[in-house]
Amino acid sequence: MPSFLVPYLRIARPDHWAKHIFIVPGIFLAAFMAESLAWNQVAMNVVLGFASACLLASANYVINEWLDSETDKQHPDKCKRASCQGLVTARGVYVEYILLVVAGLGIASFVNTLFFLSAILFFLSGILYNVPPFRTKDIVFVDVITESLNNPIRLLFGWSMISPNWLPPLSMMLCFLFGGAFLMAAKRLSEFRHIVEKKGREAAKLYRRSFAFYSEDSLLLSCFAYAVLTSFLLGVLLMKYRVEYILTLPLFTWLFAYYLRRGLQPGSVAQKPEKLLTDKHLRLITLLLVAAFTVLTAYDIPWLERLLLTRFSEVPLDRLW
């Protein structure tokens, strides 16, 4: 590859494609609920779908990095990015952006209509989050919710690869939205603490406008609020489809608690979600969740269903005397 193209590859951030791991639950959930599957078509949809999602994600990263090049100079680590160091040009960035968008949407059109509409939503969410006059990333709390929209969209990506004629349940979509909001709020908290510690509060305000209104307390409290909302929706979702799945809640609680703990640590992986898979404890919790869902799918627990789904339990106290 010619050396002048390397910075343009860097700003596309192919290492961040790992975030598309959130597409996988949509694939499995749709497959779990489907009555029958055309495996050849599914395989083609998955290949084309992931290619489209990765290209569109890179388009969002490209425009994000270019528009943030001035403010990123206030960040201790992001100041080393290619756009901050003047290694890319406006013309080159916009050409790359257009090519990635056209390629991503073009490939999406070959999957199915639902996937294509999801791809358009993914593209528009990047515009809404990054580009003036919208640029919701500068609006306190709205920035977290807007960025979190990508999670239910990724769920839709995976779902539509399998089930193009039906939408996933609303409880599932909202669960992914608020789960993503928890991750983003923890990321904001970690970033805020990191920049204030390294360069001071004023540098944090210059780096991200919303940091002029955030505080450690408000970010921490928002993490708890999003975690509670996610837990409630997760409980509804689990019991709606198989009551045995409710037994996975302790593992989900451990996952949220551990992630928040990591977010409070210096140099946390929470600042770089694409690196989450490198955390051995997160991998362990994820494997335990997969194992738990596998076991609970295979085995019924009748007494648990009676205990949790009946409106009241009869206790024959008169027989005790």
C-alpha atoms as a PDB file:
ATOM      1  CA  MET A   1       0.000   0.000   0.000  1.00  0.00           C
ATOM      2  CA  PRO A   2       1.354   3.488  -0.855  1.00  0.00           C
ATOM      3  CA  SER A   3       2.516   5.301   2.269  1.00  0.00           C
ATOM      4  CA  PHE A   4       0.209   8.293   1.678  1.00  0.00           C
ATOM      5  CA  LEU A   5      -2.838   5.981   1.981  1.00  0.00           C
ATOM      6  CA  VAL A   6      -1.852   4.594   5.394  1.00  0.00           C
ATOM      7  CA  PRO A   7      -3.274   7.570   7.375  1.00  0.00           C
ATOM      8  CA  TYR A   8      -6.586   7.188   5.521  1.00  0.00           C
ATOM      9  CA  LEU A   9      -6.705   3.529   6.503  1.00  0.00           C
ATOM     10  CA  ARG A  10      -5.983   4.493  10.110  1.00  0.00           C
ATOM     11  CA  ILE A  11      -8.859   6.979  10.311  1.00  0.00           C
ATOM     12  CA  ALA A  12     -11.224   4.276   9.000  1.00  0.00           C
ATOM     13  CA  ARG A  13     -10.364   2.351  12.212  1.00  0.00           C
ATOM     14  CA  PRO A  14     -10.784  -1.255  11.044  1.00  0.00           C
ATOM     15  CA  ASP A  15      -9.776  -2.325  14.572  1.00  0.00           C
ATOM     16  CA  HIS A  16     -13.086  -0.829  15.771  1.00  0.00           C
ATOM     17  CA  TRP A  17     -15.070  -3.301  13.677  1.00  0.00           C
ATOM     18  CA  ALA A  18     -14.992  -5.522  16.769  1.00  0.00           C
ATOM     19  CA  LYS A  19     -17.899  -3.409  18.059  1.00  0.00           C
ATOM     20  CA  HIS A  20     -20.077  -5.248  15.558  1.00  0.00           C
ATOM     21  CA  ILE A  21     -20.079  -8.131  18.028  1.00  0.00           C
ATOM     22  CA  PHE A  22     -23.496  -6.678  18.949  1.00  0.00           C
ATOM     23  CA  ILE A  23     -24.770  -7.936  15.591  1.00  0.00           C
ATOM     24  CA  VAL A  24     -24.281 -11.536  16.742  1.00  0.00           C
ATOM     25  CA  PRO A  25     -27.058 -11.572  19.403  1.00  0.00           C
ATOM     26  CA  GLY A  26     -29.506 -10.396  16.733  1.00  0.00           C
ATOM     27  CA  ILE A  27     -28.503 -13.317  14.519  1.00  0.00           C
ATOM     28  CA  PHE A  28     -28.908 -15.882  17.302  1.00  0.00           C
ATOM     29  CA  LEU A  29     -32.163 -14.425  18.641  1.00  0.00           C
ATOM     30  CA  ALA A  30     -33.760 -14.368  15.192  1.00  0.00           C
ATOM     31  CA  ALA A  31     -32.520 -17.903  14.474  1.00  0.00           C
ATOM     32  CA  PHE A  32     -33.895 -19.058  17.841  1.00  0.00           C
ATOM     33  CA  MET A  33     -37.372 -17.729  16.995  1.00  0.00           C
ATOM     34  CA  ALA A  34     -37.423 -18.725  13.312  1.00  0.00           C
ATOM     35  CA  GLU A  35     -39.460 -21.776  12.320  1.00  0.00           C
ATOM     36  CA  SER A  36     -37.166 -22.706   9.433  1.00  0.00           C
ATOM     37  CA  LEU A  37     -34.028 -21.297   7.812  1.00  0.00           C
ATOM     38  CA  ALA A  38     -32.624 -21.270   4.284  1.00  0.00           C
ATOM     39  CA  TRP A  39     -28.998 -21.723   5.313  1.00  0.00           C
ATOM     40  CA  ASN A  40     -27.446 -20.788   1.963  1.00  0.00           C
ATOM     41  CA  GLN A  41     -29.293 -17.473   1.940  1.00  0.00           C
ATOM     42  CA  VAL A  42     -28.486 -16.887   5.614  1.00  0.00           C
ATOM     43  CA  ALA A  43     -24.770 -17.442   4.994  1.00  0.00           C
ATOM     44  CA  MET A  44     -24.808 -14.963   2.097  1.00  0.00           C
ATOM     45  CA  ASN A  45     -26.722 -12.415   4.181  1.00  0.00           C
ATOM     46  CA  VAL A  46     -24.239 -12.710   7.047  1.00  0.00           C
ATOM     47  CA  VAL A  47     -21.193 -12.206   4.809  1.00  0.00           C
ATOM     48  CA  LEU A  48     -22.675  -9.254   2.912  1.00  0.00           C
ATOM     49  CA  GLY A  49     -24.237  -7.827   6.070  1.00  0.00           C
ATOM     50  CA  PHE A  50     -21.017  -7.729   8.054  1.00  0.00           C
ATOM     51  CA  ALA A  51     -19.163  -6.220   5.082  1.00  0.00           C
ATOM     52  CA  SER A  52     -21.774  -3.475   4.763  1.00  0.00           C
ATOM     53  CA  ALA A  53     -21.850  -2.750   8.504  1.00  0.00           C
ATOM     54  CA  CYS A  54     -18.057  -2.509   8.703  1.00  0.00           C
ATOM     55  CA  LEU A  55     -17.830  -0.112   5.748  1.00  0.00           C
ATOM     56  CA  LEU A  56     -20.570   2.142   7.126  1.00  0.00           C
ATOM     57  CA  ALA A  57     -18.950   2.132  10.564  1.00  0.00           C
ATOM     58  CA  SER A  58     -15.669   3.194   8.969  1.00  0.00           C
ATOM     59  CA  ALA A  59     -17.497   5.999   7.154  1.00  0.00           C
ATOM     60  CA  ASN A  60     -18.777   7.269  10.506  1.00  0.00           C
ATOM     61  CA  TYR A  61     -15.282   7.039  12.011  1.00  0.00           C
ATOM     62  CA  VAL A  62     -13.746   8.929   9.084  1.00  0.00           C
ATOM     63  CA  ILE A  63     -16.115  11.900   9.311  1.00  0.00           C
ATOM     64  CA  ASN A  64     -15.964  11.827  13.115  1.00  0.00           C
ATOM     65  CA  GLU A  65     -12.176  11.971  13.193  1.00  0.00           C
ATOM     66  CA  TRP A  66     -11.985  14.792  10.657  1.00  0.00           C
ATOM     67  CA  LEU A  67     -14.625  16.978  12.342  1.00  0.00           C
ATOM     68  CA  ASP A  68     -13.085  16.316  15.772  1.00  0.00           C
ATOM     69  CA  SER A  69      -9.489  16.968  14.704  1.00  0.00           C
ATOM     70  CA  GLU A  70      -9.239  20.304  16.544  1.00  0.00           C
ATOM     71  CA  THR A  71     -10.890  19.223  19.794  1.00  0.00           C
ATOM     72  CA  ASP A  72      -9.025  15.891  19.831  1.00  0.00           C
ATOM     73  CA  LYS A  73      -5.800  17.857  20.274  1.00  0.00           C
ATOM     74  CA  GLN A  74      -6.919  18.405  23.889  1.00  0.00           C
ATOM     75  CA  HIS A  75      -7.028  14.646  24.558  1.00  0.00           C
ATOM     76  CA  PRO A  76      -3.834  13.050  25.949  1.00  0.00           C
ATOM     77  CA  ASP A  77      -4.066  10.093  23.542  1.00  0.00           C
ATOM     78  CA  LYS A  78      -6.277  11.173  20.625  1.00  0.00           C
ATOM     79  CA  CYS A  79      -3.924  14.062  19.838  1.00  0.00           C
ATOM     80  CA  LYS A  80      -1.742  11.424  18.125  1.00  0.00           C
ATOM     81  CA  ARG A  81      -4.396  10.642  15.514  1.00  0.00           C
ATOM     82  CA  ALA A  82      -3.607  11.189  11.833  1.00  0.00           C
ATOM     83  CA  SER A  83      -6.121  14.019  11.467  1.00  0.00           C
ATOM     84  CA  CYS A  84      -4.649  15.906  14.432  1.00  0.00           C
ATOM     85  CA  GLN A  85      -1.147  15.574  13.003  1.00  0.00           C
ATOM     86  CA  GLY A  86      -2.140  16.919   9.577  1.00  0.00           C
ATOM     87  CA  LEU A  87      -1.506  13.638   7.754  1.00  0.00           C
ATOM     88  CA  VAL A  88      -4.813  13.751   5.852  1.00  0.00           C
ATOM     89  CA  THR A  89      -6.517  16.416   3.733  1.00  0.00           C
ATOM     90  CA  ALA A  90     -10.143  17.562   3.635  1.00  0.00           C
ATOM     91  CA  ARG A  91     -10.522  16.452   0.018  1.00  0.00           C
ATOM     92  CA  GLY A  92      -9.064  13.016   0.728  1.00  0.00           C
ATOM     93  CA  VAL A  93     -11.260  12.541   3.799  1.00  0.00           C
ATOM     94  CA  TYR A  94     -14.496  13.474   2.029  1.00  0.00           C
ATOM     95  CA  VAL A  95     -13.687  11.270  -0.968  1.00  0.00           C
ATOM     96  CA  GLU A  96     -12.996   8.359   1.406  1.00  0.00           C
ATOM     97  CA  TYR A  97     -16.219   9.060   3.304  1.00  0.00           C
ATOM     98  CA  ILE A  98     -18.359   9.101   0.148  1.00  0.00           C
ATOM     99  CA  LEU A  99     -16.760   5.904  -1.177  1.00  0.00           C
ATOM    100  CA  LEU A 100     -17.347   4.077   2.117  1.00  0.00           C
ATOM    101  CA  VAL A 101     -20.982   5.218   2.337  1.00  0.00           C
ATOM    102  CA  VAL A 102     -21.758   4.293  -1.278  1.00  0.00           C
ATOM    103  CA  ALA A 103     -20.061   0.897  -0.917  1.00  0.00           C
ATOM    104  CA  GLY A 104     -21.731   0.171   2.433  1.00  0.00           C
ATOM    105  CA  LEU A 105     -25.242   1.091   1.293  1.00  0.00           C
ATOM    106  CA  GLY A 106     -24.688  -0.599  -2.058  1.00  0.00           C
ATOM    107  CA  ILE A 107     -23.805  -3.911  -0.422  1.00  0.00           C
ATOM    108  CA  ALA A 108     -26.700  -3.507   2.042  1.00  0.00           C
ATOM    109  CA  SER A 109     -29.152  -3.288  -0.862  1.00  0.00           C
ATOM    110  CA  PHE A 110     -28.205  -6.850  -1.851  1.00  0.00           C
ATOM    111  CA  VAL A 111     -29.139  -8.294   1.564  1.00  0.00           C
ATOM    112  CA  ASN A 112     -32.830  -7.394   1.949  1.00  0.00           C
ATOM    113  CA  THR A 113     -35.097  -4.378   2.451  1.00  0.00           C
ATOM    114  CA  LEU A 114     -35.046  -4.453   6.259  1.00  0.00           C
ATOM    115  CA  PHE A 115     -31.257  -4.622   6.335  1.00  0.00           C
ATOM    116  CA  PHE A 116     -31.001  -1.779   3.800  1.00  0.00           C
ATOM    117  CA  LEU A 117     -33.321   0.434   5.882  1.00  0.00           C
ATOM    118  CA  SER A 118     -31.264  -0.416   8.981  1.00  0.00           C
ATOM    119  CA  ALA A 119     -28.118   0.582   7.078  1.00  0.00           C
ATOM    120  CA  ILE A 120     -29.679   3.943   6.197  1.00  0.00           C
ATOM    121  CA  LEU A 121     -30.524   4.467   9.887  1.00  0.00           C
ATOM    122  CA  PHE A 122     -26.924   3.622  10.806  1.00  0.00           C
ATOM    123  CA  PHE A 123     -25.640   6.165   8.273  1.00  0.00           C
ATOM    124  CA  LEU A 124     -28.074   8.852   9.486  1.00  0.00           C
ATOM    125  CA  SER A 125     -27.152   8.242  13.129  1.00  0.00           C
ATOM    126  CA  GLY A 126     -23.554   9.057  12.222  1.00  0.00           C
ATOM    127  CA  ILE A 127     -24.679  12.328  10.598  1.00  0.00           C
ATOM    128  CA  LEU A 128     -26.846  13.215  13.595  1.00  0.00           C
ATOM    129  CA  TYR A 129     -24.056  12.507  16.068  1.00  0.00           C
ATOM    130  CA  ASN A 130     -21.110  14.090  14.252  1.00  0.00           C
ATOM    131  CA  VAL A 131     -22.158  16.724  11.730  1.00  0.00           C
ATOM    132  CA  PRO A 132     -23.262  20.330  12.440  1.00  0.00           C
ATOM    133  CA  PRO A 133     -25.840  21.751  12.877  1.00  0.00           C
ATOM    134  CA  PHE A 134     -27.122  18.605  14.616  1.00  0.00           C
ATOM    135  CA  ARG A 135     -23.929  17.310  16.253  1.00  0.00           C
ATOM    136  CA  THR A 136     -25.647  15.789  19.251  1.00  0.00           C
ATOM    137  CA  LYS A 137     -22.284  14.681  20.670  1.00  0.00           C
ATOM    138  CA  ASP A 138     -21.982  18.210  22.096  1.00  0.00           C
ATOM    139  CA  ILE A 139     -25.312  18.053  23.982  1.00  0.00           C
ATOM    140  CA  VAL A 140     -25.182  16.767  27.542  1.00  0.00           C
ATOM    141  CA  PHE A 141     -26.907  13.353  28.035  1.00  0.00           C
ATOM    142  CA  VAL A 142     -28.289  13.473  24.470  1.00  0.00           C
ATOM    143  CA  ASP A 143     -24.793  12.529  23.273  1.00  0.00           C
ATOM    144  CA  VAL A 144     -24.917   9.233  25.143  1.00  0.00           C
ATOM    145  CA  ILE A 145     -28.421   8.307  23.962  1.00  0.00           C
ATOM    146  CA  THR A 146     -27.667   9.236  20.342  1.00  0.00           C
ATOM    147  CA  GLU A 147     -24.472   7.193  20.218  1.00  0.00           C
ATOM    148  CA  SER A 148     -26.311   4.318  21.889  1.00  0.00           C
ATOM    149  CA  LEU A 149     -28.782   4.173  18.987  1.00  0.00           C
ATOM    150  CA  ASN A 150     -26.123   2.209  17.127  1.00  0.00           C
ATOM    151  CA  ASN A 151     -26.680  -0.760  19.452  1.00  0.00           C
ATOM    152  CA  PRO A 152     -30.334  -1.489  18.545  1.00  0.00           C
ATOM    153  CA  ILE A 153     -29.409  -0.761  14.915  1.00  0.00           C
ATOM    154  CA  ARG A 154     -26.699  -3.428  15.138  1.00  0.00           C
ATOM    155  CA  LEU A 155     -29.309  -5.744  16.656  1.00  0.00           C
ATOM    156  CA  LEU A 156     -31.489  -4.994  13.621  1.00  0.00           C
ATOM    157  CA  PHE A 157     -28.569  -5.789  11.329  1.00  0.00           C
ATOM    158  CA  GLY A 158     -28.218  -9.258  12.814  1.00  0.00           C
ATOM    159  CA  TRP A 159     -31.955  -9.857  13.060  1.00  0.00           C
ATOM    160  CA  SER A 160     -32.643  -8.857   9.447  1.00  0.00           C
ATOM    161  CA  MET A 161     -29.967 -11.251   8.165  1.00  0.00           C
ATOM    162  CA  ILE A 162     -32.171 -14.090   9.450  1.00  0.00           C
ATOM    163  CA  SER A 163     -35.698 -12.684   9.618  1.00  0.00           C
ATOM    164  CA  PRO A 164     -36.237  -9.997   6.956  1.00  0.00           C
ATOM    165  CA  ASN A 165     -40.030  -9.803   7.332  1.00  0.00           C
ATOM    166  CA  TRP A 166     -40.360  -9.247  11.085  1.00  0.00           C
ATOM    167  CA  LEU A 167     -39.037  -6.693  13.550  1.00  0.00           C
ATOM    168  CA  PRO A 168     -37.486  -7.746  16.876  1.00  0.00           C
ATOM    169  CA  PRO A 169     -39.568  -7.157  20.035  1.00  0.00           C
ATOM    170  CA  LEU A 170     -39.602  -3.590  21.384  1.00  0.00           C
ATOM    171  CA  SER A 171     -38.363  -4.770  24.794  1.00  0.00           C
ATOM    172  CA  MET A 172     -35.308  -6.250  23.060  1.00  0.00           C
ATOM    173  CA  MET A 173     -34.613  -3.027  21.142  1.00  0.00           C
ATOM    174  CA  LEU A 174     -34.930  -0.871  24.263  1.00  0.00           C
ATOM    175  CA  CYS A 175     -32.754  -3.274  26.241  1.00  0.00           C
ATOM    176  CA  PHE A 176     -29.993  -2.861  23.666  1.00  0.00           C
ATOM    177  CA  LEU A 177     -30.495   0.924  23.650  1.00  0.00           C
ATOM    178  CA  PHE A 178     -30.128   1.379  27.399  1.00  0.00           C
ATOM    179  CA  GLY A 179     -27.425  -1.272  27.634  1.00  0.00           C
ATOM    180  CA  GLY A 180     -25.490   0.735  25.073  1.00  0.00           C
ATOM    181  CA  ALA A 181     -26.211   3.923  27.029  1.00  0.00           C
ATOM    182  CA  PHE A 182     -24.650   2.314  30.105  1.00  0.00           C
ATOM    183  CA  LEU A 183     -21.509   1.448  28.114  1.00  0.00           C
ATOM    184  CA  MET A 184     -21.300   4.963  26.641  1.00  0.00           C
ATOM    185  CA  ALA A 185     -21.876   6.670  30.004  1.00  0.00           C
ATOM    186  CA  ALA A 186     -19.120   4.532  31.540  1.00  0.00           C
ATOM    187  CA  LYS A 187     -16.883   5.525  28.617  1.00  0.00           C
ATOM    188  CA  ARG A 188     -17.671   9.222  29.190  1.00  0.00           C
ATOM    189  CA  LEU A 189     -16.929   8.834  32.896  1.00  0.00           C
ATOM    190  CA  SER A 190     -13.604   7.161  32.204  1.00  0.00           C
ATOM    191  CA  GLU A 191     -12.663   9.800  29.594  1.00  0.00           C
ATOM    192  CA  PHE A 192     -13.672  12.655  31.879  1.00  0.00           C
ATOM    193  CA  ARG A 193     -11.607  11.379  34.794  1.00  0.00           C
ATOM    194  CA  HIS A 194      -8.636  10.638  32.518  1.00  0.00           C
ATOM    195  CA  ILE A 195      -8.510  14.092  30.880  1.00  0.00           C
ATOM    196  CA  VAL A 196      -9.124  16.015  34.111  1.00  0.00           C
ATOM    197  CA  GLU A 197      -6.343  14.053  35.795  1.00  0.00           C
ATOM    198  CA  LYS A 198      -3.872  14.555  32.921  1.00  0.00           C
ATOM    199  CA  LYS A 199      -4.674  18.064  31.649  1.00  0.00           C
ATOM    200  CA  GLY A 200      -7.290  19.660  33.930  1.00  0.00           C
ATOM    201  CA  ARG A 201     -10.991  20.522  33.758  1.00  0.00           C
ATOM    202  CA  GLU A 202     -10.548  23.281  31.160  1.00  0.00           C
ATOM    203  CA  ALA A 203      -8.918  20.854  28.720  1.00  0.00           C
ATOM    204  CA  ALA A 204     -11.871  18.485  29.213  1.00  0.00           C
ATOM    205  CA  LYS A 205     -14.289  21.290  28.256  1.00  0.00           C
ATOM    206  CA  LEU A 206     -12.250  22.101  25.143  1.00  0.00           C
ATOM    207  CA  TYR A 207     -12.095  18.431  24.153  1.00  0.00           C
ATOM    208  CA  ARG A 208     -15.839  17.800  24.455  1.00  0.00           C
ATOM    209  CA  ARG A 209     -18.400  20.578  24.913  1.00  0.00           C
ATOM    210  CA  SER A 210     -20.711  18.363  26.938  1.00  0.00           C
ATOM    211  CA  PHE A 211     -17.948  18.008  29.548  1.00  0.00           C
ATOM    212  CA  ALA A 212     -18.642  21.630  30.540  1.00  0.00           C
ATOM    213  CA  PHE A 213     -21.925  20.369  32.024  1.00  0.00           C
ATOM    214  CA  TYR A 214     -21.004  16.855  33.106  1.00  0.00           C
ATOM    215  CA  SER A 215     -19.458  16.000  36.450  1.00  0.00           C
ATOM    216  CA  GLU A 216     -18.195  12.731  37.885  1.00  0.00           C
ATOM    217  CA  ASP A 217     -21.341  12.488  39.989  1.00  0.00           C
ATOM    218  CA  SER A 218     -23.763  13.083  37.105  1.00  0.00           C
ATOM    219  CA  LEU A 219     -21.965  10.571  34.890  1.00  0.00           C
ATOM    220  CA  LEU A 220     -21.835   7.958  37.651  1.00  0.00           C
ATOM    221  CA  LEU A 221     -25.526   8.426  38.458  1.00  0.00           C
ATOM    222  CA  SER A 222     -26.420   8.126  34.771  1.00  0.00           C
ATOM    223  CA  CYS A 223     -24.537   4.807  34.677  1.00  0.00           C
ATOM    224  CA  PHE A 224     -26.715   3.523  37.519  1.00  0.00           C
ATOM    225  CA  ALA A 225     -29.902   4.818  35.842  1.00  0.00           C
ATOM    226  CA  TYR A 226     -29.102   3.113  32.527  1.00  0.00           C
ATOM    227  CA  ALA A 227     -28.101  -0.093  34.325  1.00  0.00           C
ATOM    228  CA  VAL A 228     -31.431  -0.184  36.201  1.00  0.00           C
ATOM    229  CA  LEU A 229     -33.425   0.432  33.005  1.00  0.00           C
ATOM    230  CA  THR A 230     -31.468  -2.261  31.179  1.00  0.00           C
ATOM    231  CA  SER A 231     -31.958  -4.750  34.018  1.00  0.00           C
ATOM    232  CA  PHE A 232     -35.707  -4.148  34.084  1.00  0.00           C
ATOM    233  CA  LEU A 233     -36.064  -4.582  30.317  1.00  0.00           C
ATOM    234  CA  LEU A 234     -33.749  -7.579  30.377  1.00  0.00           C
ATOM    235  CA  GLY A 235     -35.908  -9.230  33.045  1.00  0.00           C
ATOM    236  CA  VAL A 236     -39.035  -8.607  30.952  1.00  0.00           C
ATOM    237  CA  LEU A 237     -37.333  -9.994  27.857  1.00  0.00           C
ATOM    238  CA  LEU A 238     -35.956 -13.108  29.540  1.00  0.00           C
ATOM    239  CA  MET A 239     -39.216 -14.079  31.243  1.00  0.00           C
ATOM    240  CA  LYS A 240     -41.244 -13.342  28.124  1.00  0.00           C
ATOM    241  CA  TYR A 241     -39.572 -16.070  26.086  1.00  0.00           C
ATOM    242  CA  ARG A 242     -38.269 -18.591  28.606  1.00  0.00           C
ATOM    243  CA  VAL A 243     -38.627 -18.174  32.345  1.00  0.00           C
ATOM    244  CA  GLU A 244     -35.490 -20.240  33.054  1.00  0.00           C
ATOM    245  CA  TYR A 245     -33.386 -17.451  31.517  1.00  0.00           C
ATOM    246  CA  ILE A 246     -34.098 -15.273  34.554  1.00  0.00           C
ATOM    247  CA  LEU A 247     -31.394 -17.281  36.345  1.00  0.00           C
ATOM    248  CA  THR A 248     -28.789 -15.533  34.171  1.00  0.00           C
ATOM    249  CA  LEU A 249     -29.477 -12.181  35.867  1.00  0.00           C
ATOM    250  CA  PRO A 250     -26.706 -12.630  38.492  1.00  0.00           C
ATOM    251  CA  LEU A 251     -24.198 -13.012  35.643  1.00  0.00           C
ATOM    252  CA  PHE A 252     -25.527  -9.883  33.928  1.00  0.00           C
ATOM    253  CA  THR A 253     -25.274  -8.039  37.248  1.00  0.00           C
ATOM    254  CA  TRP A 254     -21.658  -9.164  37.569  1.00  0.00           C
ATOM    255  CA  LEU A 255     -21.017  -7.977  34.005  1.00  0.00           C
ATOM    256  CA  PHE A 256     -22.400  -4.485  34.697  1.00  0.00           C
ATOM    257  CA  ALA A 257     -20.600  -4.178  38.034  1.00  0.00           C
ATOM    258  CA  TYR A 258     -17.279  -5.292  36.581  1.00  0.00           C
ATOM    259  CA  TYR A 259     -17.554  -2.953  33.600  1.00  0.00           C
ATOM    260  CA  LEU A 260     -18.310   0.005  35.866  1.00  0.00           C
ATOM    261  CA  ARG A 261     -15.347  -0.919  38.051  1.00  0.00           C
ATOM    262  CA  ARG A 262     -13.127  -0.939  34.958  1.00  0.00           C
ATOM    263  CA  GLY A 263     -14.564   2.430  33.952  1.00  0.00           C
ATOM    264  CA  LEU A 264     -13.406   3.922  37.247  1.00  0.00           C
ATOM    265  CA  GLN A 265      -9.831   2.704  36.818  1.00  0.00           C
ATOM    266  CA  PRO A 266      -7.057   4.816  35.213  1.00  0.00           C
ATOM    267  CA  GLY A 267      -6.385   3.980  31.550  1.00  0.00           C
ATOM    268  CA  SER A 268      -9.518   1.856  31.498  1.00  0.00           C
ATOM    269  CA  VAL A 269     -10.535  -0.370  28.604  1.00  0.00           C
ATOM    270  CA  ALA A 270     -13.931   1.363  28.918  1.00  0.00           C
ATOM    271  CA  GLN A 271     -12.417   4.268  26.959  1.00  0.00           C
ATOM    272  CA  LYS A 272     -11.743   1.908  24.061  1.00  0.00           C
ATOM    273  CA  PRO A 273     -14.731  -0.460  23.662  1.00  0.00           C
ATOM    274  CA  GLU A 274     -13.053  -2.045  20.639  1.00  0.00           C
ATOM    275  CA  LYS A 275     -10.482  -3.498  23.090  1.00  0.00           C
ATOM    276  CA  LEU A 276     -13.070  -5.142  25.342  1.00  0.00           C
ATOM    277  CA  LEU A 277     -12.342  -8.622  24.014  1.00  0.00           C
ATOM    278  CA  THR A 278      -8.780  -8.311  25.332  1.00  0.00           C
ATOM    279  CA  ASP A 279     -10.065  -8.198  28.920  1.00  0.00           C
ATOM    280  CA  LYS A 280      -9.835 -11.753  30.276  1.00  0.00           C
ATOM    281  CA  HIS A 281     -12.466 -11.185  32.978  1.00  0.00           C
ATOM    282  CA  LEU A 282     -14.999  -9.891  30.453  1.00  0.00           C
ATOM    283  CA  ARG A 283     -14.271 -12.902  28.262  1.00  0.00           C
ATOM    284  CA  LEU A 284     -14.851 -15.186  31.253  1.00  0.00           C
ATOM    285  CA  ILE A 285     -18.197 -13.571  32.111  1.00  0.00           C
ATOM    286  CA  THR A 286     -19.272 -13.768  28.468  1.00  0.00           C
ATOM    287  CA  LEU A 287     -18.373 -17.460  28.256  1.00  0.00           C
ATOM    288  CA  LEU A 288     -20.296 -18.139  31.472  1.00  0.00           C
ATOM    289  CA  LEU A 289     -23.335 -16.349  30.030  1.00  0.00           C
ATOM    290  CA  VAL A 290     -23.158 -18.415  26.844  1.00  0.00           C
ATOM    291  CA  ALA A 291     -22.857 -21.603  28.905  1.00  0.00           C
ATOM    292  CA  ALA A 292     -25.757 -20.573  31.150  1.00  0.00           C
ATOM    293  CA  PHE A 293     -28.051 -19.813  28.197  1.00  0.00           C
ATOM    294  CA  THR A 294     -27.106 -23.122  26.575  1.00  0.00           C
ATOM    295  CA  VAL A 295     -27.921 -25.139  29.697  1.00  0.00           C
ATOM    296  CA  LEU A 296     -31.132 -23.223  30.465  1.00  0.00           C
ATOM    297  CA  THR A 297     -32.316 -23.679  26.879  1.00  0.00           C
ATOM    298  CA  ALA A 298     -31.871 -27.442  27.136  1.00  0.00           C
ATOM    299  CA  TYR A 299     -33.461 -27.998  30.568  1.00  0.00           C
ATOM    300  CA  ASP A 300     -36.889 -27.032  31.894  1.00  0.00           C
ATOM    301  CA  ILE A 301     -37.427 -26.018  35.527  1.00  0.00           C
ATOM    302  CA  PRO A 302     -41.204 -26.412  36.085  1.00  0.00           C
ATOM    303  CA  TRP A 303     -41.234 -25.209  39.706  1.00  0.00           C
ATOM    304  CA  LEU A 304     -39.510 -21.968  38.672  1.00  0.00           C
ATOM    305  CA  GLU A 305     -42.264 -21.233  36.168  1.00  0.00           C
ATOM    306  CA  ARG A 306     -44.946 -21.876  38.799  1.00  0.00           C
ATOM    307  CA  LEU A 307     -43.105 -19.688  41.302  1.00  0.00           C
ATOM    308  CA  LEU A 308     -42.568 -16.709  39.008  1.00  0.00           C
ATOM    309  CA  LEU A 309     -45.579 -16.704  36.690  1.00  0.00           C
ATOM    310  CA  THR A 310     -48.511 -17.469  39.023  1.00  0.00           C
ATOM    311  CA  ARG A 311     -50.373 -14.432  40.372  1.00  0.00           C
ATOM    312  CA  PHE A 312     -50.422 -15.853  43.901  1.00  0.00           C
ATOM    313  CA  SER A 313     -49.327 -19.003  45.713  1.00  0.00           C
ATOM    314  CA  GLU A 314     -51.749 -20.967  47.850  1.00  0.00           C
ATOM    315  CA  VAL A 315     -50.443 -21.840  51.314  1.00  0.00           C
ATOM    316  CA  PRO A 316     -52.814 -24.301  53.121  1.00  0.00           C
ATOM    317  CA  LEU A 317     -52.219 -23.004  56.662  1.00  0.00           C
ATOM    318  CA  ASP A 318     -55.371 -24.687  57.997  1.00  0.00           C
ATOM    319  CA  ARG A 319     -53.705 -28.072  57.497  1.00  0.00           C
ATOM    320  CA  LEU A 320     -51.001 -27.179  59.965  1.00  0.00           C
ATOM    321  CA  TRP A 321     -53.413 -27.376  62.906  1.00  0.00           C
END
